[in-house]
C-alpha atoms as a PDB file:
ATOM      1  CA  MET A   1      -8.080  -3.396  14.896  1.00  0.00           C
ATOM      2  CA  LYS A   2      -8.625   0.083  16.233  1.00  0.00           C
ATOM      3  CA  GLY A   3      -8.865   2.994  13.831  1.00  0.00           C
ATOM      4  CA  LEU A   4      -6.460   5.872  13.605  1.00  0.00           C
ATOM      5  CA  GLY A   5      -7.233   9.498  14.339  1.00  0.00           C
ATOM      6  CA  GLU A   6      -6.086  12.219  11.944  1.00  0.00           C
ATOM      7  CA  LEU A   7      -2.774  12.955  13.679  1.00  0.00           C
ATOM      8  CA  GLU A   8      -2.149   9.255  14.347  1.00  0.00           C
ATOM      9  CA  ALA A   9      -2.618   8.538  10.632  1.00  0.00           C
ATOM     10  CA  GLN A  10      -0.163  11.305   9.709  1.00  0.00           C
ATOM     11  CA  VAL A  11       2.388   9.920  12.163  1.00  0.00           C
ATOM     12  CA  MET A  12       1.952   6.394  10.802  1.00  0.00           C
ATOM     13  CA  GLU A  13       2.432   7.637   7.226  1.00  0.00           C
ATOM     14  CA  ILE A  14       5.724   9.224   8.307  1.00  0.00           C
ATOM     15  CA  LEU A  15       6.869   6.027  10.025  1.00  0.00           C
ATOM     16  CA  TRP A  16       5.833   3.834   7.077  1.00  0.00           C
ATOM     17  CA  SER A  17       7.776   6.091   4.708  1.00  0.00           C
ATOM     18  CA  ALA A  18      10.916   6.166   6.861  1.00  0.00           C
ATOM     19  CA  GLU A  19      13.871   3.947   6.092  1.00  0.00           C
ATOM     20  CA  SER A  20      14.610   3.380   9.772  1.00  0.00           C
ATOM     21  CA  ALA A  21      13.165   3.990  13.223  1.00  0.00           C
ATOM     22  CA  LEU A  22      12.532   7.629  14.151  1.00  0.00           C
ATOM     23  CA  VAL A  23      12.659   9.642  17.365  1.00  0.00           C
ATOM     24  CA  VAL A  24       9.895  12.049  18.386  1.00  0.00           C
ATOM     25  CA  ARG A  25      11.748  15.112  17.052  1.00  0.00           C
ATOM     26  CA  GLN A  26      12.134  13.542  13.604  1.00  0.00           C
ATOM     27  CA  VAL A  27       8.425  12.740  13.457  1.00  0.00           C
ATOM     28  CA  LEU A  28       7.524  16.262  14.622  1.00  0.00           C
ATOM     29  CA  ASP A  29       9.798  17.819  11.998  1.00  0.00           C
ATOM     30  CA  ALA A  30       8.264  15.640   9.242  1.00  0.00           C
ATOM     31  CA  LEU A  31       4.669  16.612  10.062  1.00  0.00           C
ATOM     32  CA  PRO A  32       2.982  19.243   7.883  1.00  0.00           C
ATOM     33  CA  GLN A  33       3.672  22.718   9.223  1.00  0.00           C
ATOM     34  CA  ASP A  34       0.041  23.820   8.821  1.00  0.00           C
ATOM     35  CA  ARG A  35      -0.441  23.570  12.584  1.00  0.00           C
ATOM     36  CA  ASN A  36       1.855  24.447  15.448  1.00  0.00           C
ATOM     37  CA  ARG A  37       2.164  21.079  17.201  1.00  0.00           C
ATOM     38  CA  ALA A  38       4.030  20.637  20.444  1.00  0.00           C
ATOM     39  CA  TYR A  39       6.764  18.055  20.933  1.00  0.00           C
ATOM     40  CA  THR A  40       4.777  16.606  23.838  1.00  0.00           C
ATOM     41  CA  THR A  41       1.709  16.152  21.617  1.00  0.00           C
ATOM     42  CA  VAL A  42       3.678  14.040  19.158  1.00  0.00           C
ATOM     43  CA  MET A  43       5.283  12.145  22.036  1.00  0.00           C
ATOM     44  CA  THR A  44       1.820  11.351  23.432  1.00  0.00           C
ATOM     45  CA  VAL A  45       0.555  10.233  20.019  1.00  0.00           C
ATOM     46  CA  LEU A  46       3.537   7.899  19.600  1.00  0.00           C
ATOM     47  CA  ASP A  47       2.993   6.528  23.101  1.00  0.00           C
ATOM     48  CA  ASN A  48      -0.683   5.919  22.277  1.00  0.00           C
ATOM     49  CA  LEU A  49       0.248   4.187  19.027  1.00  0.00           C
ATOM     50  CA  HIS A  50       2.650   1.988  20.987  1.00  0.00           C
ATOM     51  CA  ARG A  51      -0.065   1.142  23.493  1.00  0.00           C
ATOM     52  CA  LYS A  52      -2.433   0.264  20.603  1.00  0.00           C
ATOM     53  CA  ASP A  53       0.292  -1.988  19.080  1.00  0.00           C
ATOM     54  CA  PHE A  54       0.651   0.113  15.913  1.00  0.00           C
ATOM     55  CA  VAL A  55       4.329   0.845  16.624  1.00  0.00           C
ATOM     56  CA  HIS A  56       7.269  -0.809  18.316  1.00  0.00           C
ATOM     57  CA  ARG A  57       9.818   1.233  20.187  1.00  0.00           C
ATOM     58  CA  ASP A  58      13.374   0.633  21.321  1.00  0.00           C
ATOM     59  CA  ARG A  59      15.308   2.703  23.820  1.00  0.00           C
ATOM     60  CA  VAL A  60      18.578   3.977  22.375  1.00  0.00           C
ATOM     61  CA  GLY A  61      20.392   6.050  24.958  1.00  0.00           C
ATOM     62  CA  ARG A  62      17.769   8.344  26.451  1.00  0.00           C
ATOM     63  CA  ALA A  63      15.436   8.403  23.451  1.00  0.00           C
ATOM     64  CA  TRP A  64      12.775   6.038  22.177  1.00  0.00           C
ATOM     65  CA  HIS A  65      13.069   5.061  18.522  1.00  0.00           C
ATOM     66  CA  TYR A  66       9.726   4.225  16.892  1.00  0.00           C
ATOM     67  CA  ARG A  67       8.994   1.949  13.940  1.00  0.00           C
ATOM     68  CA  PRO A  68       5.744   0.542  12.527  1.00  0.00           C
ATOM     69  CA  ALA A  69       4.603  -2.778  13.956  1.00  0.00           C
ATOM     70  CA  THR A  70       3.228  -3.801  10.539  1.00  0.00           C
ATOM     71  CA  SER A  71       3.522  -2.602   6.988  1.00  0.00           C
ATOM     72  CA  ARG A  72       1.078  -0.106   5.488  1.00  0.00           C
ATOM     73  CA  GLU A  73      -0.223  -2.905   3.265  1.00  0.00           C
ATOM     74  CA  ALA A  74      -0.830  -5.247   6.213  1.00  0.00           C
ATOM     75  CA  HIS A  75      -2.681  -2.444   8.009  1.00  0.00           C
ATOM     76  CA  VAL A  76      -4.920  -1.824   4.989  1.00  0.00           C
ATOM     77  CA  ALA A  77      -5.587  -5.563   4.618  1.00  0.00           C
ATOM     78  CA  GLY A  78      -6.616  -5.670   8.288  1.00  0.00           C
ATOM     79  CA  LEU A  79      -8.996  -2.754   7.771  1.00  0.00           C
ATOM     80  CA  MET A  80     -10.518  -4.490   4.766  1.00  0.00           C
ATOM     81  CA  SER A  81     -10.982  -7.722   6.705  1.00  0.00           C
ATOM     82  CA  GLU A  82     -12.527  -5.840   9.616  1.00  0.00           C
ATOM     83  CA  ALA A  83     -14.917  -4.063   7.254  1.00  0.00           C
ATOM     84  CA  LEU A  84     -15.975  -7.398   5.751  1.00  0.00           C
ATOM     85  CA  ASP A  85     -16.562  -8.800   9.246  1.00  0.00           C
ATOM     86  CA  THR A  86     -18.975  -5.986  10.082  1.00  0.00           C
ATOM     87  CA  GLY A  87     -20.856  -6.028   6.782  1.00  0.00           C
ATOM     88  CA  GLY A  88     -23.009  -9.082   7.314  1.00  0.00           C
ATOM     89  CA  ASP A  89     -22.857 -10.887   3.967  1.00  0.00           C
ATOM     90  CA  ARG A  90     -19.149 -11.061   3.095  1.00  0.00           C
ATOM     91  CA  THR A  91     -19.777 -12.452  -0.383  1.00  0.00           C
ATOM     92  CA  ALA A  92     -22.210  -9.667  -1.292  1.00  0.00           C
ATOM     93  CA  ALA A  93     -19.759  -7.061   0.015  1.00  0.00           C
ATOM     94  CA  LEU A  94     -16.907  -8.598  -2.018  1.00  0.00           C
ATOM     95  CA  VAL A  95     -19.054  -8.708  -5.166  1.00  0.00           C
ATOM     96  CA  HIS A  96     -19.978  -5.044  -4.726  1.00  0.00           C
ATOM     97  CA  PHE A  97     -16.323  -4.150  -4.133  1.00  0.00           C
ATOM     98  CA  VAL A  98     -15.105  -6.015  -7.220  1.00  0.00           C
ATOM     99  CA  GLU A  99     -17.824  -4.459  -9.380  1.00  0.00           C
ATOM    100  CA  GLN A 100     -16.487  -1.013  -8.446  1.00  0.00           C
ATOM    101  CA  LEU A 101     -12.877  -1.782  -9.398  1.00  0.00           C
ATOM    102  CA  PRO A 102     -11.470  -0.226 -12.566  1.00  0.00           C
ATOM    103  CA  PRO A 103     -10.910  -2.936 -15.217  1.00  0.00           C
ATOM    104  CA  GLU A 104      -7.117  -2.940 -14.818  1.00  0.00           C
ATOM    105  CA  GLU A 105      -7.370  -3.478 -11.041  1.00  0.00           C
ATOM    106  CA  ALA A 106      -9.972  -6.223 -11.526  1.00  0.00           C
ATOM    107  CA  ALA A 107      -7.597  -7.948 -13.958  1.00  0.00           C
ATOM    108  CA  GLU A 108      -4.753  -7.623 -11.444  1.00  0.00           C
ATOM    109  CA  LEU A 109      -6.958  -9.084  -8.706  1.00  0.00           C
ATOM    110  CA  ARG A 110      -7.907 -11.994 -10.990  1.00  0.00           C
ATOM    111  CA  ALA A 111      -4.222 -12.683 -11.694  1.00  0.00           C
ATOM    112  CA  LEU A 112      -3.410 -12.595  -7.975  1.00  0.00           C
ATOM    113  CA  LEU A 113      -6.260 -14.998  -7.195  1.00  0.00           C
ATOM    114  CA  ASP A 114      -5.150 -17.344  -9.968  1.00  0.00           C
ATOM    115  CA  ARG A 115      -1.553 -17.287  -8.685  1.00  0.00           C
ATOM    116  CA  SER A 116      -2.638 -17.999  -5.099  1.00  0.00           C
ATOM    117  CA  ARG A 117      -4.237 -21.273  -6.242  1.00  0.00           C
ATOM    118  CA  GLU A 118      -1.031 -22.596  -7.793  1.00  0.00           C
END
């Protein structure tokens, strides 16, 4: 799974938060106004995300409508799995991760693990 650049991550956050597919103009308008971004820049980013399989697109009339290929949660799970694959000892990495969790999140993780065994 390839990583996301800063602008790509912002675009994905917009798409993940949207209730339906968006066109380039809608994504551009939803981006923070702290920088003057060109329409063509956002169009290129969306095209790159499509090429990387982060988004799907459908042609409606003359415009492409973009939507995430996976959920935000599935993306994060993929990043976590990829990180574990590069860490050498998966068990040691998981132990270290769990030890850093706040108690309430550790309890939630325990409950999820217990439920997955049922």
